[in-house]
């Protein structure tokens, strides 16, 4: 898939969980605050897409930035914004929180 400035790099939820568990990645939720308050992935940090340009996360040295939303559409459509943050590598979690739950991973509210 190519959107914006370049190709969108996606990973599935299993690879996402593996990278987070290994301490190699930061999971960044770009949904809006009301979505976050209703349900979120433990350990994720919130940076809503609506305010992302004025409030982007600082890259963590040596870590991959994994961006996620509800279904993967928002992160794919705005991938170039996330790459611009400057993480060592930037990917989006395919299927979003919906696939995360469908694959049996835990969420919290």
Protein backbone atom coordinates (compact mmCIF):
# COMPACT_ATOMS: atom_id res chain seq x y z
CA UNK A 1 0.00 0.00 0.00
CA UNK A 2 1.31 3.46 -0.84
CA UNK A 3 -0.12 6.54 0.81
CA UNK A 4 1.32 10.03 1.11
CA UNK A 5 5.10 10.24 0.98
CA UNK A 6 5.87 6.54 0.72
CA UNK A 7 4.82 2.96 1.30
CA UNK A 8 2.93 2.06 4.44
CA UNK A 9 4.76 -0.52 6.52
CA UNK A 10 2.35 -2.71 8.43
CA UNK A 11 2.79 -5.54 10.90
CA UNK A 12 0.22 -7.94 12.29
CA UNK A 13 -0.91 -7.91 15.91
CA UNK A 14 1.20 -10.95 16.81
CA UNK A 15 4.42 -9.24 15.68
CA UNK A 16 3.29 -6.10 17.45
CA UNK A 17 2.77 -7.97 20.73
CA UNK A 18 6.16 -9.69 20.34
CA UNK A 19 8.01 -6.40 19.79
CA UNK A 20 6.28 -4.72 22.74
CA UNK A 21 6.94 -7.66 25.05
CA UNK A 22 10.62 -7.67 24.02
CA UNK A 23 10.86 -3.96 24.88
CA UNK A 24 11.75 -3.05 21.30
CA UNK A 25 8.74 -0.88 20.50
CA UNK A 26 6.39 1.85 21.69
CA UNK A 27 2.69 1.38 20.90
CA UNK A 28 1.04 4.69 20.00
CA UNK A 29 -2.74 4.94 19.83
CA UNK A 30 -3.94 7.68 17.46
CA UNK A 31 -7.64 7.28 18.19
CA UNK A 32 -9.51 10.07 19.92
CA UNK A 33 -9.75 10.45 23.69
CA UNK A 34 -13.34 9.16 23.89
CA UNK A 35 -12.28 5.96 22.09
CA UNK A 36 -9.26 5.61 24.40
CA UNK A 37 -11.42 6.07 27.50
CA UNK A 38 -13.81 3.35 26.33
CA UNK A 39 -11.09 0.78 25.59
CA UNK A 40 -7.34 0.63 25.05
CA UNK A 41 -4.40 -1.70 24.76
CA UNK A 42 -2.42 -1.92 28.02
CA UNK A 43 0.89 -0.09 27.73
CA UNK A 44 -0.16 2.01 24.72
CA UNK A 45 0.23 5.78 24.83
CA UNK A 46 -2.37 8.17 23.43
CA UNK A 47 -1.57 10.79 20.77
CA UNK A 48 -4.88 11.56 19.02
CA UNK A 49 -4.73 12.11 15.29
CA UNK A 50 -6.79 15.32 15.62
CA UNK A 51 -3.95 17.00 17.57
CA UNK A 52 -1.04 14.93 16.28
CA UNK A 53 0.74 17.67 14.35
CA UNK A 54 0.91 19.91 17.43
CA UNK A 55 1.45 17.09 19.94
CA UNK A 56 3.47 14.25 18.41
CA UNK A 57 5.32 11.73 20.57
CA UNK A 58 9.07 12.10 20.99
CA UNK A 59 10.90 9.15 19.46
CA UNK A 60 12.54 6.81 21.95
CA UNK A 61 16.11 5.91 20.99
CA UNK A 62 16.45 2.38 19.66
CA UNK A 63 12.69 1.72 19.66
CA UNK A 64 10.24 1.11 16.86
CA UNK A 65 7.15 3.32 16.76
CA UNK A 66 4.06 1.15 16.25
CA UNK A 67 0.98 3.24 15.48
CA UNK A 68 -2.54 1.90 15.84
CA UNK A 69 -6.15 3.00 15.58
CA UNK A 70 -9.50 1.18 15.58
CA UNK A 71 -9.19 -0.81 12.35
CA UNK A 72 -5.89 0.27 10.78
CA UNK A 73 -7.41 2.69 8.31
CA UNK A 74 -6.41 5.95 10.03
CA UNK A 75 -2.86 4.79 10.61
CA UNK A 76 -2.49 3.70 6.98
CA UNK A 77 -4.04 6.91 5.64
CA UNK A 78 -1.78 9.18 7.74
CA UNK A 79 1.37 7.05 7.80
CA UNK A 80 3.61 9.83 6.46
CA UNK A 81 2.86 11.92 9.62
CA UNK A 82 4.02 9.09 11.83
CA UNK A 83 7.23 8.49 9.86
CA UNK A 84 8.06 12.18 10.28
CA UNK A 85 8.22 11.76 14.09
CA UNK A 86 11.63 10.13 13.68
CA UNK A 87 11.51 6.73 15.35
CA UNK A 88 14.27 4.28 14.37
CA UNK A 89 11.55 2.49 12.39
CA UNK A 90 7.85 3.23 12.02
CA UNK A 91 5.07 0.72 11.34
CA UNK A 92 1.34 0.55 11.67
CA UNK A 93 -0.53 -2.28 13.36
CA UNK A 94 -2.72 -3.85 10.71
CA UNK A 95 -6.31 -4.40 11.80
CA UNK A 96 -6.02 -2.00 14.74
CA UNK A 97 -7.52 -2.66 18.15
CA UNK A 98 -10.34 -4.66 16.51
CA UNK A 99 -7.90 -7.30 15.26
CA UNK A 100 -5.93 -7.13 18.53
CA UNK A 101 -9.09 -8.22 20.39
CA UNK A 102 -10.14 -10.74 17.70
CA UNK A 103 -6.75 -12.47 18.12
CA UNK A 104 -7.33 -12.83 21.87
CA UNK A 105 -5.12 -10.05 23.19
CA UNK A 106 -6.26 -8.12 26.25
CA UNK A 107 -7.69 -4.60 26.36
CA UNK A 108 -8.64 -2.43 29.31
CA UNK A 109 -10.94 0.51 29.92
